[in-house]
Amino acid sequence: MRILLFTGKGGVGKTTLAAATGAALAGRGRKTLVVSTDPAHSLADAFGTPLGTDPAEVEGTAGLWAAQVDSRTLADRTWHELRGELRKVLTGAGLDILDAEELTVLPGVDELLALSEVQRLASHGPWDTVVVDCGPTAETLRLLSLPEAVSGYLTRMYGTRRVAASIRRLGTHLDALRSLLTDPAVTTVRLVLTPERLVVAEARRTLTSLALRGIAVDGLIANRLMPAPGLWRGSAAKWLRTRRDQQDAVLAELAAAGFRPALVEHRASEPVGTTALAELARELYGSRDPLAGNGKPVTPLLTVTAGTAGTAATSPGGGFRLRVALPLERDSVLDLARVDDDLAITVDGFRRLVALPETLRPCRITGAESDADGLTITLAEERGPE
C-alpha cells in the first residue's frame, strides 16, 4: 500500500494534480483511490462527475475510484459517543460538569476524523494506492500534527490511569495513525506550488514543518508555468515573456537551494475529466512511475543523530554534539529548550518534541549552530556541586 498526500497553498492546482496522478496510476494498472479531505470538495469538479463519501469507480477509467470525506458528518456520527465517555471519566475524577464539558472539546477533531477515514479507506478497499487531495498547507499541517498532539493531550490528562475502553482505543488508533504518516515506505507528500515568490516562501516553510513532524516529501511540482512565447511579437507576447522570466528566476533560486520541482505548463482551458487529466499526467510524469516522485526526497525525515554509530560524539571542547537534520531558511526563527528528557525544537512557530538519546539526557544545552541542512547542538554534562 502506498499513500500520496497532495497539498499546497490554496489555488495552486493541487486537486487537479492529485486527480491526474490517480488517473495515471490507474492507467498503468494500479488500483487507485483518490480521496479528498479538502472542505472545498473540488475533486468532483476535476473528474467532472458527482462524488459521495463512499468510494465509487470513476466512469471511463478501469481501476480508479474516488470519494470526498465529509468530516462534519463523521464528527456528528462518531465523536458524540466518545465525548460522552470522556465526560464521565472527567466527572469521576472530581471535575464539575462544566469543566468536564470544556475539556471534552478537542480542537481539530473534524480534521482528525477525516484523517482516520482516509486510513480506514486505505485499509479496507481493493486499491494498491491512495492519493489524498488535502486542504491548503496550513490546514494540512494542522491535520498531520493532530495524531501526535491529541495523543499527548490524552497522556497528560489520564497518564496510566484506567480509562474507558473507547479512550484506550482512541490512543491506540492515534499511535497507528502517527506510525502510518511517518513511514516513508508507505506515506509521502507531494508539495504543489506556482513559481511565485510568496508561494515558494510558504512551500519552503512547509518543508521544514513536515520535516519536524517526521513526514517525508518525495517531490515538488511547479504548476502553471507560462509557455515560452518564442518569436511572437506584440503586447501579449511581451506580457508572457515578462511573466515567464519572473517564473524562471524563481525556479533558478529553487535550483540553487537544491530543489528541482517537476514542471507543468499553464493550460488555456481547465483539465476536466479523465481524458484531460491523463494528458496532464503525461506532461507531469512522462515515462516515470508516478509513485517515484521527481527524484530523491527533497527533504529528509527529522533525524537526531550523535556520531555515526548512534552514540554521542564528544565535541572538541568537551561535552557532546547532536545533529538534527532538517531544511532551514536563512531567516528561520529557531528556539531550543529542554522539556524533561525531550528537546523542544521550534522553527518559525512549528514545535516538535524530540526524545534525546539516553547518553544526552543528563546534559544541558550549551550552544547551537544552524546551516541550510539542519542544526548542530552542543551539550555538556551537568556537574554537581564540588
Protein backbone atom coordinates (compact mmCIF):
# COMPACT_ATOMS: atom_id res chain seq x y z
CA MET A 1 0.00 0.00 0.00
CA ARG A 2 1.21 3.50 -0.87
CA ILE A 3 -0.36 6.77 0.22
CA LEU A 4 0.40 10.04 -1.59
CA LEU A 5 -0.68 13.29 0.06
CA PHE A 6 -1.04 16.33 -2.22
CA THR A 7 -1.01 19.76 -0.63
CA GLY A 8 -0.06 23.35 -1.41
CA LYS A 9 -1.19 26.91 -0.96
CA GLY A 10 -4.82 27.44 -1.91
CA GLY A 11 -5.36 27.92 -5.64
CA VAL A 12 -2.12 26.32 -6.91
CA GLY A 13 -3.90 23.37 -8.55
CA LYS A 14 -3.22 20.55 -6.09
CA THR A 15 -6.65 18.97 -6.57
CA THR A 16 -6.21 18.76 -10.33
CA LEU A 17 -2.71 17.27 -10.00
CA ALA A 18 -3.89 14.75 -7.40
CA ALA A 19 -6.69 13.66 -9.73
CA ALA A 20 -4.26 13.48 -12.68
CA THR A 21 -1.85 11.34 -10.65
CA GLY A 22 -4.69 8.98 -9.73
CA ALA A 23 -5.69 8.69 -13.38
CA ALA A 24 -2.07 7.98 -14.37
CA LEU A 25 -1.67 5.26 -11.75
CA ALA A 26 -4.93 3.59 -12.79
CA GLY A 27 -3.84 3.81 -16.42
CA ARG A 28 -0.71 1.83 -15.50
CA GLY A 29 -2.73 -0.95 -13.94
CA ARG A 30 -2.65 0.06 -10.26
CA LYS A 31 -5.98 0.04 -8.47
CA THR A 32 -6.17 3.57 -7.12
CA LEU A 33 -8.44 5.56 -4.82
CA VAL A 34 -8.38 9.35 -4.97
CA VAL A 35 -9.96 10.83 -1.84
CA SER A 36 -10.34 14.47 -0.84
CA THR A 37 -10.21 15.85 2.71
CA ASP A 38 -10.44 19.42 1.40
CA PRO A 39 -13.66 21.08 2.62
CA ALA A 40 -13.88 22.84 -0.77
CA HIS A 41 -14.94 19.50 -2.34
CA SER A 42 -13.48 20.38 -5.77
CA LEU A 43 -12.35 16.83 -6.58
CA ALA A 44 -15.73 16.12 -8.18
CA ASP A 45 -15.17 19.16 -10.44
CA ALA A 46 -11.78 17.82 -11.54
CA PHE A 47 -13.21 14.45 -12.51
CA GLY A 48 -16.32 16.05 -13.96
CA THR A 49 -18.60 13.68 -12.09
CA PRO A 50 -20.56 13.74 -8.80
CA LEU A 51 -18.80 12.12 -5.84
CA GLY A 52 -20.02 10.99 -2.45
CA THR A 53 -18.49 9.85 0.81
CA ASP A 54 -18.37 6.21 -0.31
CA PRO A 55 -15.75 5.35 -2.96
CA ALA A 56 -17.23 4.92 -6.43
CA GLU A 57 -15.47 3.83 -9.60
CA VAL A 58 -14.83 6.77 -11.92
CA GLU A 59 -16.68 6.25 -15.17
CA GLY A 60 -14.49 5.53 -18.19
CA THR A 61 -11.37 4.54 -16.23
CA ALA A 62 -10.87 0.98 -15.03
CA GLY A 63 -9.28 0.66 -11.61
CA LEU A 64 -9.90 4.25 -10.48
CA TRP A 65 -12.16 5.12 -7.54
CA ALA A 66 -12.86 8.49 -5.94
CA ALA A 67 -14.58 9.86 -2.83
CA GLN A 68 -14.90 13.04 -0.78
CA VAL A 69 -14.62 12.86 3.02
CA ASP A 70 -17.34 14.75 4.90
CA SER A 71 -15.60 15.43 8.23
CA ARG A 72 -18.62 17.23 9.71
CA THR A 73 -20.81 14.15 9.25
CA LEU A 74 -18.05 11.95 10.69
CA ALA A 75 -17.88 14.16 13.77
CA ASP A 76 -21.63 14.04 14.27
CA ARG A 77 -21.63 10.27 13.90
CA THR A 78 -18.55 9.10 15.85
CA TRP A 79 -17.43 11.84 18.25
CA HIS A 80 -20.67 12.00 20.23
CA GLU A 81 -20.19 8.62 21.95
CA LEU A 82 -16.51 9.16 22.77
CA ARG A 83 -17.17 12.64 24.09
CA GLY A 84 -19.80 11.24 26.45
CA GLU A 85 -17.32 8.69 27.84
CA LEU A 86 -14.64 11.37 28.28
CA ARG A 87 -17.13 13.46 30.24
CA LYS A 88 -17.92 10.51 32.55
CA VAL A 89 -14.23 9.87 33.24
CA LEU A 90 -13.54 13.52 34.00
CA THR A 91 -16.50 13.96 36.35
CA GLY A 92 -15.49 10.72 38.05
CA ALA A 93 -12.04 12.25 38.62
CA GLY A 94 -13.61 15.09 40.61
CA LEU A 95 -14.18 17.76 37.98
CA ASP A 96 -17.50 19.50 37.94
CA ILE A 97 -19.81 19.15 34.94
CA LEU A 98 -18.83 22.49 33.38
CA ASP A 99 -15.07 21.75 33.48
CA ALA A 100 -15.63 18.26 32.11
CA GLU A 101 -17.70 19.66 29.26
CA GLU A 102 -14.95 22.13 28.33
CA LEU A 103 -12.18 19.53 28.40
CA THR A 104 -14.02 17.19 26.06
CA VAL A 105 -13.95 19.75 23.25
CA LEU A 106 -10.84 18.67 21.34
CA PRO A 107 -9.67 21.28 18.79
CA GLY A 108 -9.30 19.88 15.30
CA VAL A 109 -11.49 16.84 15.85
CA ASP A 110 -13.05 17.26 12.39
CA GLU A 111 -9.64 17.04 10.73
CA LEU A 112 -8.60 14.12 12.93
CA LEU A 113 -11.67 12.15 11.92
CA ALA A 114 -11.03 12.97 8.27
CA LEU A 115 -7.52 11.53 8.56
CA SER A 116 -8.91 8.47 10.34
CA GLU A 117 -11.36 7.97 7.49
CA VAL A 118 -8.51 8.04 4.98
CA GLN A 119 -6.76 5.33 7.00
CA ARG A 120 -9.94 3.27 7.12
CA LEU A 121 -10.47 3.55 3.37
CA ALA A 122 -6.83 2.70 2.69
CA SER A 123 -7.02 -0.50 4.72
CA HIS A 124 -10.45 -1.77 3.60
CA GLY A 125 -10.52 -1.39 -0.17
CA PRO A 126 -9.12 -3.27 -3.18
CA TRP A 127 -6.74 -0.43 -4.13
CA ASP A 128 -2.95 -0.52 -4.20
CA THR A 129 -2.54 3.25 -3.88
CA VAL A 130 -4.48 6.02 -2.15
CA VAL A 131 -3.98 9.57 -3.44
CA VAL A 132 -5.20 12.19 -0.95
CA ASP A 133 -6.22 15.68 -2.04
CA CYS A 134 -5.53 17.52 1.22
CA GLY A 135 -6.62 21.02 2.11
CA PRO A 136 -4.32 24.05 1.75
CA THR A 137 -0.97 23.83 3.53
CA ALA A 138 -2.00 25.47 6.82
CA GLU A 139 -4.93 23.08 7.23
CA THR A 140 -2.81 20.12 6.11
CA LEU A 141 -0.06 20.85 8.63
CA ARG A 142 -2.66 21.01 11.38
CA LEU A 143 -4.18 17.77 10.09
CA LEU A 144 -0.85 15.93 10.04
CA SER A 145 0.14 17.14 13.52
CA LEU A 146 -3.09 16.05 15.21
CA PRO A 147 -2.31 12.37 15.93
CA GLU A 148 0.75 13.33 17.96
CA ALA A 149 -0.90 16.37 19.57
CA VAL A 150 -4.08 14.58 20.66
CA SER A 151 -2.13 11.53 21.82
CA GLY A 152 -0.06 13.81 24.05
CA TYR A 153 -3.25 15.52 25.24
CA LEU A 154 -4.74 12.20 26.35
CA THR A 155 -1.49 11.09 28.00
CA ARG A 156 -1.29 14.29 30.04
CA MET A 157 -4.94 14.02 31.04
CA TYR A 158 -5.02 10.36 32.02
CA GLY A 159 -1.44 9.10 32.31
CA THR A 160 -1.52 5.40 33.11
CA ARG A 161 -4.89 5.50 34.89
CA ARG A 162 -7.62 3.11 33.87
CA VAL A 163 -9.87 4.77 31.33
CA ALA A 164 -12.86 3.83 29.24
CA ALA A 165 -12.31 1.26 26.51
CA SER A 166 -13.15 3.74 23.76
CA ILE A 167 -10.49 6.17 25.04
CA ARG A 168 -7.89 3.37 25.07
CA ARG A 169 -8.93 2.54 21.50
CA LEU A 170 -8.52 6.19 20.56
CA GLY A 171 -4.98 6.24 21.97
CA THR A 172 -4.07 3.07 20.08
CA HIS A 173 -5.63 4.44 16.93
CA LEU A 174 -3.65 7.69 17.21
CA ASP A 175 -0.40 5.78 17.59
CA ALA A 176 -1.25 3.78 14.45
CA LEU A 177 -2.03 6.99 12.54
CA ARG A 178 1.26 8.53 13.57
CA SER A 179 3.17 5.41 12.50
CA LEU A 180 1.38 5.43 9.15
CA LEU A 181 2.21 9.09 8.46
CA THR A 182 5.89 8.80 9.43
CA ASP A 183 6.65 5.62 7.48
CA PRO A 184 8.28 6.86 4.24
CA ALA A 185 7.85 3.45 2.63
CA VAL A 186 4.08 3.99 2.85
CA THR A 187 3.28 7.72 3.07
CA THR A 188 4.88 10.63 1.23
CA VAL A 189 3.84 14.19 0.43
CA ARG A 190 3.80 15.93 -2.95
CA LEU A 191 4.02 19.68 -2.46
CA VAL A 192 2.40 21.74 -5.24
CA LEU A 193 3.39 25.35 -5.85
CA THR A 194 3.29 28.01 -8.53
CA PRO A 195 6.56 29.78 -9.47
CA GLU A 196 5.87 32.90 -7.40
CA ARG A 197 7.99 34.19 -4.55
CA LEU A 198 5.25 34.30 -1.91
CA VAL A 199 4.05 30.80 -2.80
CA VAL A 200 7.59 29.39 -2.82
CA ALA A 201 8.33 31.01 0.56
CA GLU A 202 5.31 29.25 2.07
CA ALA A 203 6.31 25.96 0.39
CA ARG A 204 9.79 26.10 1.91
CA ARG A 205 8.36 26.76 5.38
CA THR A 206 6.06 23.79 4.82
CA LEU A 207 9.06 21.57 4.02
CA THR A 208 10.61 22.46 7.37
CA SER A 209 7.37 21.87 9.23
CA LEU A 210 6.87 18.46 7.60
CA ALA A 211 10.46 17.52 8.46
CA LEU A 212 9.82 18.45 12.09
CA ARG A 213 6.88 16.07 12.05
CA GLY A 214 8.93 13.26 10.54
CA ILE A 215 6.88 13.19 7.31
CA ALA A 216 8.71 12.58 4.02
CA VAL A 217 8.28 14.80 0.95
CA ASP A 218 9.10 12.92 -2.24
CA GLY A 219 8.63 15.73 -4.74
CA LEU A 220 7.75 19.31 -5.57
CA ILE A 221 5.56 20.23 -8.53
CA ALA A 222 5.73 23.73 -10.05
CA ASN A 223 2.35 24.19 -11.69
CA ARG A 224 1.03 26.80 -14.15
CA LEU A 225 4.34 27.66 -15.77
CA MET A 226 3.74 30.19 -18.52
CA PRO A 227 4.54 28.89 -22.04
CA ALA A 228 7.62 30.43 -23.66
CA PRO A 229 6.43 32.99 -26.27
CA GLY A 230 9.24 32.14 -28.69
CA LEU A 231 9.41 34.65 -31.58
CA TRP A 232 5.91 36.04 -31.01
CA ARG A 233 5.55 39.81 -31.10
CA GLY A 234 3.08 42.27 -29.66
CA SER A 235 1.86 43.23 -26.18
CA ALA A 236 0.55 39.74 -25.35
CA ALA A 237 3.91 38.17 -26.21
CA LYS A 238 5.70 40.82 -24.13
CA TRP A 239 3.45 40.07 -21.14
CA LEU A 240 4.06 36.31 -21.50
CA ARG A 241 7.82 36.83 -21.80
CA THR A 242 7.88 39.01 -18.67
CA ARG A 243 5.86 36.53 -16.60
CA ARG A 244 7.94 33.58 -17.80
CA ASP A 245 11.19 35.41 -17.00
CA GLN A 246 9.89 36.08 -13.48
CA GLN A 247 8.93 32.43 -13.04
CA ASP A 248 12.29 31.23 -14.41
CA ALA A 249 14.08 33.46 -11.89
CA VAL A 250 12.11 31.87 -9.02
CA LEU A 251 12.84 28.37 -10.35
CA ALA A 252 16.56 29.25 -10.60
CA GLU A 253 16.55 30.29 -6.94
CA LEU A 254 14.90 27.00 -6.03
CA ALA A 255 17.51 25.08 -8.03
CA ALA A 256 20.31 26.99 -6.28
CA ALA A 257 18.84 25.87 -2.97
CA GLY A 258 18.80 22.24 -4.13
CA PHE A 259 15.12 21.97 -5.13
CA ARG A 260 14.24 20.84 -8.66
CA PRO A 261 10.47 20.58 -8.99
CA ALA A 262 8.67 18.84 -11.82
CA LEU A 263 7.19 21.42 -14.20
CA VAL A 264 3.64 21.68 -15.57
CA GLU A 265 2.70 24.40 -18.07
CA HIS A 266 -0.36 26.58 -17.69
CA ARG A 267 -3.24 25.45 -19.90
CA ALA A 268 -5.69 27.60 -21.80
CA SER A 269 -8.61 25.50 -20.51
CA GLU A 270 -9.09 23.63 -17.27
CA PRO A 271 -8.29 19.90 -17.48
CA VAL A 272 -11.63 18.35 -16.51
CA GLY A 273 -12.43 14.67 -16.91
CA THR A 274 -10.21 11.60 -17.07
CA THR A 275 -9.05 12.17 -20.66
CA ALA A 276 -7.75 15.67 -19.97
CA LEU A 277 -6.29 14.55 -16.62
CA ALA A 278 -4.41 11.68 -18.29
CA GLU A 279 -2.92 14.15 -20.77
CA LEU A 280 -1.82 16.39 -17.92
CA ALA A 281 -0.25 13.39 -16.16
CA ARG A 282 1.77 12.56 -19.29
CA GLU A 283 3.31 16.03 -19.17
CA LEU A 284 3.97 15.74 -15.46
CA TYR A 285 5.44 12.22 -15.31
CA GLY A 286 6.39 11.27 -18.86
CA SER A 287 7.66 7.69 -18.72
CA ARG A 288 8.42 7.87 -14.99
CA ASP A 289 6.44 5.91 -12.43
CA PRO A 290 4.07 8.40 -10.72
CA LEU A 291 4.87 6.73 -7.41
CA ALA A 292 8.54 7.60 -7.74
CA GLY A 293 8.08 11.34 -7.28
CA ASN A 294 10.64 13.52 -9.01
CA GLY A 295 13.89 12.13 -7.75
CA LYS A 296 15.07 11.59 -4.19
CA PRO A 297 13.07 13.13 -1.32
CA VAL A 298 13.64 16.87 -1.28
CA THR A 299 13.74 16.96 2.49
CA PRO A 300 14.86 14.28 4.92
CA LEU A 301 12.81 12.98 7.75
CA LEU A 302 13.65 14.57 11.04
CA THR A 303 16.68 12.62 12.29
CA VAL A 304 18.50 13.03 15.54
CA THR A 305 21.98 11.51 15.49
CA ALA A 306 25.09 11.83 17.54
CA GLY A 307 28.17 10.34 15.92
CA THR A 308 27.99 7.76 13.16
CA ALA A 309 27.01 4.82 15.31
CA GLY A 310 24.07 6.35 17.12
CA THR A 311 26.09 7.29 20.21
CA ALA A 312 27.07 10.72 21.37
CA ALA A 313 30.23 12.15 19.81
CA THR A 314 32.48 14.12 22.10
CA SER A 315 32.83 17.73 20.96
CA PRO A 316 36.29 19.32 20.78
CA GLY A 317 35.63 21.49 23.83
CA GLY A 318 34.16 18.67 25.92
CA GLY A 319 30.57 17.53 26.16
CA PHE A 320 28.65 16.24 23.14
CA ARG A 321 27.40 17.22 19.69
CA LEU A 322 23.91 16.42 18.48
CA ARG A 323 22.90 16.74 14.79
CA VAL A 324 19.29 17.43 13.83
CA ALA A 325 18.76 17.23 10.06
CA LEU A 326 16.01 19.43 8.63
CA PRO A 327 15.90 22.16 5.96
CA LEU A 328 16.26 25.70 7.25
CA GLU A 329 15.98 29.14 5.69
CA ARG A 330 18.42 31.94 6.45
CA ASP A 331 15.66 33.91 8.15
CA SER A 332 14.19 30.95 10.06
CA VAL A 333 13.38 31.78 13.68
CA LEU A 334 14.71 28.99 15.93
CA ASP A 335 14.18 28.19 19.57
CA LEU A 336 15.57 25.29 21.61
CA ALA A 337 14.57 24.18 25.08
CA ARG A 338 14.75 21.15 27.35
CA VAL A 339 11.44 19.61 28.43
CA ASP A 340 12.29 16.76 30.80
CA ASP A 341 14.03 14.13 28.59
CA ASP A 342 12.97 15.79 25.36
CA LEU A 343 14.44 18.52 23.20
CA ALA A 344 11.81 21.08 22.16
CA ILE A 345 12.65 22.45 18.69
CA THR A 346 10.61 25.37 17.38
CA VAL A 347 11.13 26.63 13.82
CA ASP A 348 9.04 29.55 12.57
CA GLY A 349 6.32 28.75 15.07
CA PHE A 350 6.22 24.97 14.43
CA ARG A 351 7.21 22.98 17.52
CA ARG A 352 8.31 19.37 17.91
CA LEU A 353 9.45 17.40 20.95
CA VAL A 354 12.33 15.04 20.15
CA ALA A 355 13.34 12.32 22.60
CA LEU A 356 17.02 12.70 23.48
CA PRO A 357 19.36 9.69 23.28
CA GLU A 358 19.88 8.23 26.75
CA THR A 359 23.51 9.39 26.87
CA LEU A 360 22.44 13.01 26.50
CA ARG A 361 19.57 13.11 28.98
CA PRO A 362 21.76 14.28 31.91
CA CYS A 363 23.17 17.10 29.72
CA ARG A 364 22.30 20.76 29.32
CA ILE A 365 22.31 22.73 26.06
CA THR A 366 25.42 24.91 25.78
CA GLY A 367 25.08 26.19 22.21
CA ALA A 368 23.75 25.62 18.73
CA GLU A 369 24.67 26.40 15.13
CA SER A 370 22.48 26.15 12.04
CA ASP A 371 23.03 25.77 8.32
CA ALA A 372 20.78 25.01 5.35
CA ASP A 373 20.67 21.33 6.28
CA GLY A 374 19.93 21.50 9.96
CA LEU A 375 21.18 22.15 13.47
CA THR A 376 24.30 21.16 15.38
CA ILE A 377 23.63 21.36 19.09
CA THR A 378 26.32 21.18 21.75
CA LEU A 379 25.56 19.78 25.16
CA ALA A 380 27.56 19.36 28.35
CA GLU A 381 27.09 17.08 31.32
CA GLU A 382 25.60 18.70 34.38
CA ARG A 383 28.14 18.94 37.15
CA GLY A 384 27.14 18.65 40.76
CA PRO A 385 28.46 21.00 43.45
CA GLU A 386 32.14 20.41 44.18
